[in-house]
């Protein structure tokens, strides 16, 4: 039962499924500090998107815009010709800055510090597991 609870906390508090800014019960976000997946997701996001800028001057192909309209059929925004035009031809100076993504998830910690936290987490979990095994082993010898 403990493993189910632990796995649930790990997954839900990883900041992957729902950003912490969208959680109504702010006291619940304290559990993120116990989630190894949170630190792993943060580290991967920092590696993948840290300081990267992508050229988006080619825009979205017309099939992609059609797909978006099918995916979001009730969106009046996508049916506007100005929006469709901006998606297909955003301009030569269009750059997607990934810092906005890191800001959205509130990933501001340096990568080296995240690795250090994950290593410490690993050591603590191993010490706790070893201690529990020794405790159970001594209890069974009696």
N, C-alpha and C. Protein backbone atom coordinates (compact mmCIF):
# COMPACT_ATOMS: atom_id res chain seq x y z
N UNK A 1 0.82 -1.19 0.00
CA UNK A 1 0.00 0.00 0.00
C UNK A 1 0.87 1.26 0.00
N UNK A 2 1.96 1.21 0.75
CA UNK A 2 2.85 2.36 0.80
C UNK A 2 3.44 2.67 -0.57
N UNK A 3 3.76 1.61 -1.33
CA UNK A 3 4.35 1.84 -2.65
C UNK A 3 3.38 2.51 -3.60
N UNK A 4 2.09 2.20 -3.48
CA UNK A 4 1.09 2.85 -4.33
C UNK A 4 1.00 4.33 -3.99
N UNK A 5 0.97 4.63 -2.71
CA UNK A 5 0.92 6.03 -2.27
C UNK A 5 2.17 6.78 -2.72
N UNK A 6 3.32 6.16 -2.54
CA UNK A 6 4.59 6.78 -2.91
C UNK A 6 4.64 7.06 -4.42
N UNK A 7 4.21 6.08 -5.22
CA UNK A 7 4.21 6.25 -6.67
C UNK A 7 3.24 7.33 -7.10
N UNK A 8 2.10 7.41 -6.43
CA UNK A 8 1.13 8.46 -6.74
C UNK A 8 1.69 9.84 -6.47
N UNK A 9 2.33 10.01 -5.33
CA UNK A 9 2.95 11.30 -5.01
C UNK A 9 4.03 11.62 -6.03
N UNK A 10 4.82 10.63 -6.40
CA UNK A 10 5.89 10.85 -7.38
C UNK A 10 5.34 11.35 -8.70
N UNK A 11 4.28 10.73 -9.18
CA UNK A 11 3.73 11.10 -10.48
C UNK A 11 2.96 12.41 -10.44
N UNK A 12 2.08 12.56 -9.46
CA UNK A 12 1.25 13.76 -9.42
C UNK A 12 2.03 15.02 -9.09
N UNK A 13 3.07 14.88 -8.31
CA UNK A 13 3.85 16.06 -7.92
C UNK A 13 5.09 16.26 -8.79
N UNK A 14 5.10 15.68 -9.97
CA UNK A 14 6.25 15.85 -10.86
C UNK A 14 6.18 17.14 -11.66
N UNK A 15 5.04 17.85 -11.61
CA UNK A 15 4.86 19.10 -12.35
C UNK A 15 4.67 18.82 -13.84
N UNK A 16 4.52 17.55 -14.21
CA UNK A 16 4.36 17.18 -15.60
C UNK A 16 2.89 17.18 -16.00
N UNK A 17 2.04 16.60 -15.18
CA UNK A 17 0.63 16.49 -15.50
C UNK A 17 -0.11 17.81 -15.28
N UNK A 18 0.23 18.50 -14.22
CA UNK A 18 -0.43 19.76 -13.90
C UNK A 18 0.60 20.69 -13.25
N UNK A 19 0.81 21.87 -13.83
CA UNK A 19 1.75 22.81 -13.21
C UNK A 19 1.29 23.22 -11.82
N UNK A 20 2.23 23.49 -10.97
CA UNK A 20 1.90 23.83 -9.58
C UNK A 20 1.09 25.11 -9.48
N UNK A 21 1.20 25.98 -10.47
CA UNK A 21 0.41 27.22 -10.45
C UNK A 21 -1.08 26.95 -10.66
N UNK A 22 -1.43 25.79 -11.22
CA UNK A 22 -2.84 25.46 -11.47
C UNK A 22 -3.48 24.65 -10.36
N UNK A 23 -2.74 24.28 -9.35
CA UNK A 23 -3.29 23.49 -8.24
C UNK A 23 -3.98 24.44 -7.27
N UNK A 24 -5.24 24.11 -6.94
CA UNK A 24 -6.03 24.98 -6.07
C UNK A 24 -5.56 24.95 -4.62
N UNK A 25 -5.14 23.79 -4.15
CA UNK A 25 -4.69 23.65 -2.77
C UNK A 25 -3.18 23.84 -2.72
N UNK A 26 -2.75 25.06 -2.46
CA UNK A 26 -1.32 25.39 -2.51
C UNK A 26 -0.50 24.60 -1.50
N UNK A 27 -1.10 24.21 -0.39
CA UNK A 27 -0.37 23.43 0.61
C UNK A 27 0.01 22.06 0.06
N UNK A 28 -0.71 21.59 -0.94
CA UNK A 28 -0.42 20.29 -1.54
C UNK A 28 0.87 20.32 -2.36
N UNK A 29 1.25 21.48 -2.85
CA UNK A 29 2.45 21.58 -3.69
C UNK A 29 3.73 21.35 -2.90
N UNK A 30 3.65 21.33 -1.58
CA UNK A 30 4.82 21.05 -0.75
C UNK A 30 5.33 19.63 -1.02
N UNK A 31 4.45 18.73 -1.45
CA UNK A 31 4.84 17.35 -1.72
C UNK A 31 5.80 17.23 -2.90
N UNK A 32 5.93 18.28 -3.69
CA UNK A 32 6.85 18.19 -4.84
C UNK A 32 8.29 17.98 -4.38
N UNK A 33 8.63 18.44 -3.19
CA UNK A 33 10.01 18.30 -2.72
C UNK A 33 10.35 16.84 -2.42
N UNK A 34 9.33 15.96 -2.36
CA UNK A 34 9.56 14.54 -2.13
C UNK A 34 9.52 13.73 -3.42
N UNK A 35 9.31 14.39 -4.55
CA UNK A 35 9.16 13.69 -5.82
C UNK A 35 10.46 13.71 -6.62
N UNK A 36 11.02 12.54 -6.83
CA UNK A 36 12.22 12.44 -7.66
C UNK A 36 11.89 12.75 -9.12
N UNK A 37 10.67 12.45 -9.53
CA UNK A 37 10.26 12.75 -10.90
C UNK A 37 10.24 14.25 -11.16
N UNK A 38 9.92 15.03 -10.13
CA UNK A 38 9.94 16.49 -10.27
C UNK A 38 11.35 16.96 -10.63
N UNK A 39 12.34 16.47 -9.91
CA UNK A 39 13.72 16.88 -10.18
C UNK A 39 14.20 16.33 -11.52
N UNK A 40 13.78 15.11 -11.85
CA UNK A 40 14.17 14.54 -13.15
C UNK A 40 13.57 15.32 -14.30
N UNK A 41 12.29 15.65 -14.18
CA UNK A 41 11.61 16.44 -15.22
C UNK A 41 12.26 17.81 -15.35
N UNK A 42 12.61 18.40 -14.22
CA UNK A 42 13.26 19.70 -14.24
C UNK A 42 14.62 19.61 -14.93
N UNK A 43 15.40 18.59 -14.59
CA UNK A 43 16.71 18.43 -15.21
C UNK A 43 16.62 18.20 -16.70
N UNK A 44 15.70 17.34 -17.12
CA UNK A 44 15.53 17.09 -18.55
C UNK A 44 15.07 18.34 -19.30
N UNK A 45 14.17 19.08 -18.69
CA UNK A 45 13.69 20.32 -19.33
C UNK A 45 14.83 21.34 -19.44
N UNK A 46 15.67 21.44 -18.41
CA UNK A 46 16.79 22.38 -18.46
C UNK A 46 17.78 22.00 -19.56
N UNK A 47 18.03 20.68 -19.71
CA UNK A 47 18.95 20.23 -20.76
C UNK A 47 18.36 20.51 -22.13
N UNK A 48 17.10 20.17 -22.29
CA UNK A 48 16.46 20.24 -23.61
C UNK A 48 16.16 21.67 -24.04
N UNK A 49 15.69 22.49 -23.10
CA UNK A 49 15.19 23.81 -23.48
C UNK A 49 15.96 24.99 -22.90
N UNK A 50 16.96 24.75 -22.07
CA UNK A 50 17.69 25.83 -21.44
C UNK A 50 18.43 26.72 -22.43
N UNK A 51 17.94 27.92 -22.62
CA UNK A 51 18.60 28.89 -23.49
C UNK A 51 18.48 28.62 -24.98
N UNK A 52 17.67 27.65 -25.36
CA UNK A 52 17.53 27.32 -26.79
C UNK A 52 16.52 28.25 -27.45
N UNK A 53 16.77 28.55 -28.69
CA UNK A 53 15.84 29.35 -29.48
C UNK A 53 15.64 28.62 -30.81
N UNK A 54 14.39 28.49 -31.20
CA UNK A 54 14.06 27.78 -32.42
C UNK A 54 13.50 28.75 -33.45
N UNK A 55 13.92 28.57 -34.67
CA UNK A 55 13.43 29.39 -35.78
C UNK A 55 12.04 28.91 -36.16
N UNK A 56 11.09 29.82 -36.14
CA UNK A 56 9.72 29.46 -36.52
C UNK A 56 9.26 30.27 -37.73
N UNK A 57 10.22 30.82 -38.48
CA UNK A 57 9.86 31.68 -39.62
C UNK A 57 9.16 30.90 -40.72
N UNK A 58 9.32 29.58 -40.77
CA UNK A 58 8.63 28.78 -41.78
C UNK A 58 7.15 28.62 -41.49
N UNK A 59 6.76 28.85 -40.25
CA UNK A 59 5.35 28.75 -39.88
C UNK A 59 4.86 27.31 -39.83
N UNK A 60 3.56 27.19 -39.68
CA UNK A 60 2.89 25.90 -39.63
C UNK A 60 2.34 25.63 -41.03
N UNK A 61 2.52 24.42 -41.52
CA UNK A 61 1.99 24.12 -42.86
C UNK A 61 0.46 24.13 -42.82
N UNK A 62 -0.19 24.36 -43.96
CA UNK A 62 -1.65 24.45 -43.98
C UNK A 62 -2.35 23.20 -43.43
N UNK A 63 -1.74 22.03 -43.60
CA UNK A 63 -2.33 20.82 -43.04
C UNK A 63 -2.34 20.88 -41.51
N UNK A 64 -1.32 21.48 -40.93
CA UNK A 64 -1.27 21.64 -39.48
C UNK A 64 -2.34 22.58 -38.97
N UNK A 65 -2.59 23.65 -39.71
CA UNK A 65 -3.65 24.59 -39.33
C UNK A 65 -5.01 23.90 -39.43
N UNK A 66 -5.21 23.12 -40.48
CA UNK A 66 -6.45 22.36 -40.63
C UNK A 66 -6.62 21.38 -39.48
N UNK A 67 -5.54 20.73 -39.09
CA UNK A 67 -5.58 19.81 -37.95
C UNK A 67 -5.97 20.55 -36.68
N UNK A 68 -5.40 21.72 -36.44
CA UNK A 68 -5.76 22.50 -35.26
C UNK A 68 -7.23 22.87 -35.26
N UNK A 69 -7.77 23.22 -36.42
CA UNK A 69 -9.19 23.57 -36.52
C UNK A 69 -10.06 22.35 -36.24
N UNK A 70 -9.62 21.17 -36.67
CA UNK A 70 -10.38 19.94 -36.40
C UNK A 70 -10.25 19.55 -34.93
N UNK A 71 -9.07 19.78 -34.36
CA UNK A 71 -8.82 19.43 -32.96
C UNK A 71 -9.62 20.33 -32.02
N UNK A 72 -9.75 21.59 -32.39
CA UNK A 72 -10.47 22.57 -31.58
C UNK A 72 -11.61 23.17 -32.40
N UNK A 73 -12.68 22.40 -32.65
CA UNK A 73 -13.72 22.87 -33.56
C UNK A 73 -14.52 24.07 -33.06
N UNK A 74 -14.60 24.28 -31.78
CA UNK A 74 -15.37 25.40 -31.23
C UNK A 74 -14.56 26.66 -31.04
N UNK A 75 -13.33 26.64 -31.48
CA UNK A 75 -12.47 27.82 -31.31
C UNK A 75 -12.73 28.82 -32.42
N UNK A 76 -13.28 29.96 -32.06
CA UNK A 76 -13.51 31.02 -33.05
C UNK A 76 -12.19 31.67 -33.42
N UNK A 77 -11.23 31.58 -32.53
CA UNK A 77 -9.92 32.21 -32.72
C UNK A 77 -9.21 31.64 -33.95
N UNK A 78 -9.26 30.32 -34.12
CA UNK A 78 -8.56 29.68 -35.24
C UNK A 78 -9.24 29.92 -36.58
N UNK A 79 -10.51 30.28 -36.56
CA UNK A 79 -11.23 30.53 -37.81
C UNK A 79 -10.98 31.93 -38.36
N UNK A 80 -10.32 32.77 -37.61
CA UNK A 80 -10.00 34.13 -38.09
C UNK A 80 -8.89 34.04 -39.13
N UNK A 81 -9.05 34.76 -40.21
CA UNK A 81 -8.05 34.71 -41.28
C UNK A 81 -6.71 35.29 -40.82
N UNK A 82 -6.75 36.27 -39.93
CA UNK A 82 -5.50 36.87 -39.44
C UNK A 82 -4.69 35.84 -38.63
N UNK A 83 -5.39 35.05 -37.84
CA UNK A 83 -4.71 34.03 -37.03
C UNK A 83 -4.15 32.94 -37.93
N UNK A 84 -4.94 32.47 -38.88
CA UNK A 84 -4.46 31.44 -39.81
C UNK A 84 -3.27 31.95 -40.61
N UNK A 85 -3.34 33.22 -41.02
CA UNK A 85 -2.22 33.82 -41.75
C UNK A 85 -0.97 33.93 -40.90
N UNK A 86 -1.14 34.30 -39.63
CA UNK A 86 0.02 34.42 -38.73
C UNK A 86 0.63 33.05 -38.43
N UNK A 87 -0.20 32.02 -38.38
CA UNK A 87 0.33 30.67 -38.14
C UNK A 87 1.10 30.14 -39.35
N UNK A 88 0.59 30.39 -40.54
CA UNK A 88 1.26 29.86 -41.74
C UNK A 88 2.43 30.72 -42.19
N UNK A 89 2.38 32.02 -41.91
CA UNK A 89 3.46 32.92 -42.33
C UNK A 89 3.75 33.93 -41.21
N UNK A 90 4.47 33.52 -40.17
CA UNK A 90 4.68 34.40 -39.02
C UNK A 90 5.69 35.52 -39.27
N UNK A 91 6.51 35.42 -40.30
CA UNK A 91 7.50 36.45 -40.58
C UNK A 91 8.91 35.92 -40.43
N UNK A 92 9.84 36.61 -41.03
CA UNK A 92 11.24 36.16 -41.05
C UNK A 92 11.91 36.26 -39.68
N UNK A 93 11.41 37.13 -38.81
CA UNK A 93 12.05 37.34 -37.51
C UNK A 93 11.41 36.50 -36.39
N UNK A 94 10.59 35.52 -36.73
CA UNK A 94 9.92 34.68 -35.71
C UNK A 94 10.93 33.73 -35.07
N UNK A 95 11.02 33.81 -33.74
CA UNK A 95 11.89 32.93 -32.95
C UNK A 95 11.10 32.46 -31.73
N UNK A 96 11.11 31.16 -31.51
CA UNK A 96 10.47 30.59 -30.32
C UNK A 96 11.53 30.50 -29.22
N UNK A 97 11.35 31.28 -28.17
CA UNK A 97 12.29 31.30 -27.06
C UNK A 97 11.81 30.32 -25.99
N UNK A 98 12.62 29.33 -25.68
CA UNK A 98 12.20 28.27 -24.76
C UNK A 98 12.29 28.67 -23.29
N UNK A 99 12.82 29.84 -23.00
CA UNK A 99 12.86 30.31 -21.62
C UNK A 99 11.44 30.47 -21.08
N UNK A 100 10.51 30.81 -21.97
CA UNK A 100 9.11 30.95 -21.55
C UNK A 100 8.56 29.62 -21.04
N UNK A 101 8.96 28.52 -21.65
CA UNK A 101 8.53 27.20 -21.19
C UNK A 101 9.09 26.89 -19.81
N UNK A 102 10.35 27.19 -19.61
CA UNK A 102 10.96 26.96 -18.30
C UNK A 102 10.33 27.86 -17.24
N UNK A 103 9.98 29.07 -17.61
CA UNK A 103 9.30 29.97 -16.66
C UNK A 103 7.90 29.47 -16.32
N UNK A 104 7.22 28.90 -17.31
CA UNK A 104 5.87 28.38 -17.07
C UNK A 104 5.89 27.27 -16.02
N UNK A 105 6.86 26.39 -16.11
CA UNK A 105 6.98 25.29 -15.14
C UNK A 105 7.77 25.70 -13.90
N UNK A 106 8.25 26.91 -13.85
CA UNK A 106 9.03 27.44 -12.72
C UNK A 106 10.31 26.66 -12.50
N UNK A 107 11.02 26.37 -13.57
CA UNK A 107 12.30 25.67 -13.50
C UNK A 107 13.42 26.71 -13.59
N UNK A 108 13.90 27.16 -12.45
CA UNK A 108 14.93 28.19 -12.43
C UNK A 108 16.23 27.69 -11.79
N UNK A 109 16.25 26.46 -11.34
CA UNK A 109 17.43 25.91 -10.66
C UNK A 109 18.47 25.48 -11.70
N UNK A 110 19.75 25.74 -11.46
CA UNK A 110 20.79 25.26 -12.39
C UNK A 110 20.81 23.73 -12.47
N UNK A 111 21.23 23.23 -13.61
CA UNK A 111 21.23 21.78 -13.85
C UNK A 111 22.11 21.04 -12.85
N UNK A 112 23.28 21.58 -12.55
CA UNK A 112 24.20 20.91 -11.61
C UNK A 112 23.57 20.75 -10.24
N UNK A 113 22.82 21.74 -9.80
CA UNK A 113 22.16 21.65 -8.50
C UNK A 113 21.06 20.57 -8.54
N UNK A 114 20.36 20.47 -9.65
CA UNK A 114 19.34 19.43 -9.80
C UNK A 114 19.96 18.04 -9.74
N UNK A 115 21.10 17.87 -10.39
CA UNK A 115 21.80 16.57 -10.35
C UNK A 115 22.24 16.27 -8.92
N UNK A 116 22.74 17.26 -8.21
CA UNK A 116 23.13 17.07 -6.81
C UNK A 116 21.96 16.66 -5.94
N UNK A 117 20.81 17.28 -6.15
CA UNK A 117 19.61 16.92 -5.39
C UNK A 117 19.18 15.49 -5.70
N UNK A 118 19.21 15.13 -6.97
CA UNK A 118 18.84 13.75 -7.35
C UNK A 118 19.80 12.73 -6.76
N UNK A 119 21.08 13.04 -6.74
CA UNK A 119 22.06 12.13 -6.14
C UNK A 119 21.81 11.99 -4.64
N UNK A 120 21.56 13.11 -3.97
CA UNK A 120 21.26 13.07 -2.53
C UNK A 120 19.98 12.28 -2.27
N UNK A 121 19.00 12.47 -3.11
CA UNK A 121 17.75 11.73 -2.99
C UNK A 121 18.01 10.23 -3.11
N UNK A 122 18.83 9.85 -4.07
CA UNK A 122 19.19 8.45 -4.28
C UNK A 122 19.87 7.87 -3.05
N UNK A 123 20.82 8.62 -2.48
CA UNK A 123 21.53 8.15 -1.29
C UNK A 123 20.57 7.99 -0.11
N UNK A 124 19.70 8.95 0.09
CA UNK A 124 18.76 8.88 1.22
C UNK A 124 17.82 7.70 1.07
N UNK A 125 17.30 7.48 -0.14
CA UNK A 125 16.40 6.35 -0.37
C UNK A 125 17.12 5.03 -0.12
N UNK A 126 18.37 4.93 -0.55
CA UNK A 126 19.13 3.70 -0.32
C UNK A 126 19.42 3.47 1.16
N UNK A 127 19.73 4.51 1.89
CA UNK A 127 19.96 4.38 3.33
C UNK A 127 18.68 3.95 4.03
N UNK A 128 17.56 4.54 3.66
CA UNK A 128 16.27 4.16 4.27
C UNK A 128 15.92 2.71 3.95
N UNK A 129 16.15 2.31 2.70
CA UNK A 129 15.85 0.93 2.30
C UNK A 129 16.75 -0.05 3.06
N UNK A 130 18.03 0.25 3.15
CA UNK A 130 18.96 -0.62 3.88
C UNK A 130 18.56 -0.72 5.35
N UNK A 131 18.23 0.42 5.95
CA UNK A 131 17.83 0.42 7.37
C UNK A 131 16.57 -0.41 7.58
N UNK A 132 15.62 -0.31 6.67
CA UNK A 132 14.39 -1.10 6.80
C UNK A 132 14.68 -2.58 6.65
N UNK A 133 15.58 -2.94 5.74
CA UNK A 133 15.93 -4.35 5.56
C UNK A 133 16.65 -4.90 6.79
N UNK A 134 17.55 -4.13 7.38
CA UNK A 134 18.24 -4.55 8.59
C UNK A 134 17.24 -4.71 9.73
N UNK A 135 16.31 -3.77 9.86
CA UNK A 135 15.30 -3.84 10.91
C UNK A 135 14.45 -5.09 10.77
N UNK A 136 13.99 -5.38 9.56
CA UNK A 136 13.17 -6.56 9.31
C UNK A 136 13.99 -7.83 9.51
N UNK A 137 15.25 -7.80 9.09
CA UNK A 137 16.11 -8.96 9.27
C UNK A 137 16.36 -9.28 10.73
N UNK A 138 16.57 -8.28 11.55
CA UNK A 138 16.78 -8.51 12.98
C UNK A 138 15.50 -8.99 13.65
N UNK A 139 14.40 -8.49 13.20
CA UNK A 139 13.12 -8.86 13.78
C UNK A 139 12.81 -10.32 13.48
N UNK A 140 13.20 -10.81 12.31
CA UNK A 140 12.90 -12.18 11.93
C UNK A 140 13.86 -13.17 12.58
N UNK A 141 15.04 -12.75 13.01
CA UNK A 141 15.99 -13.65 13.67
C UNK A 141 15.51 -14.05 15.04
N UNK A 142 14.72 -13.26 15.64
CA UNK A 142 14.27 -13.51 17.02
C UNK A 142 13.36 -14.64 17.12
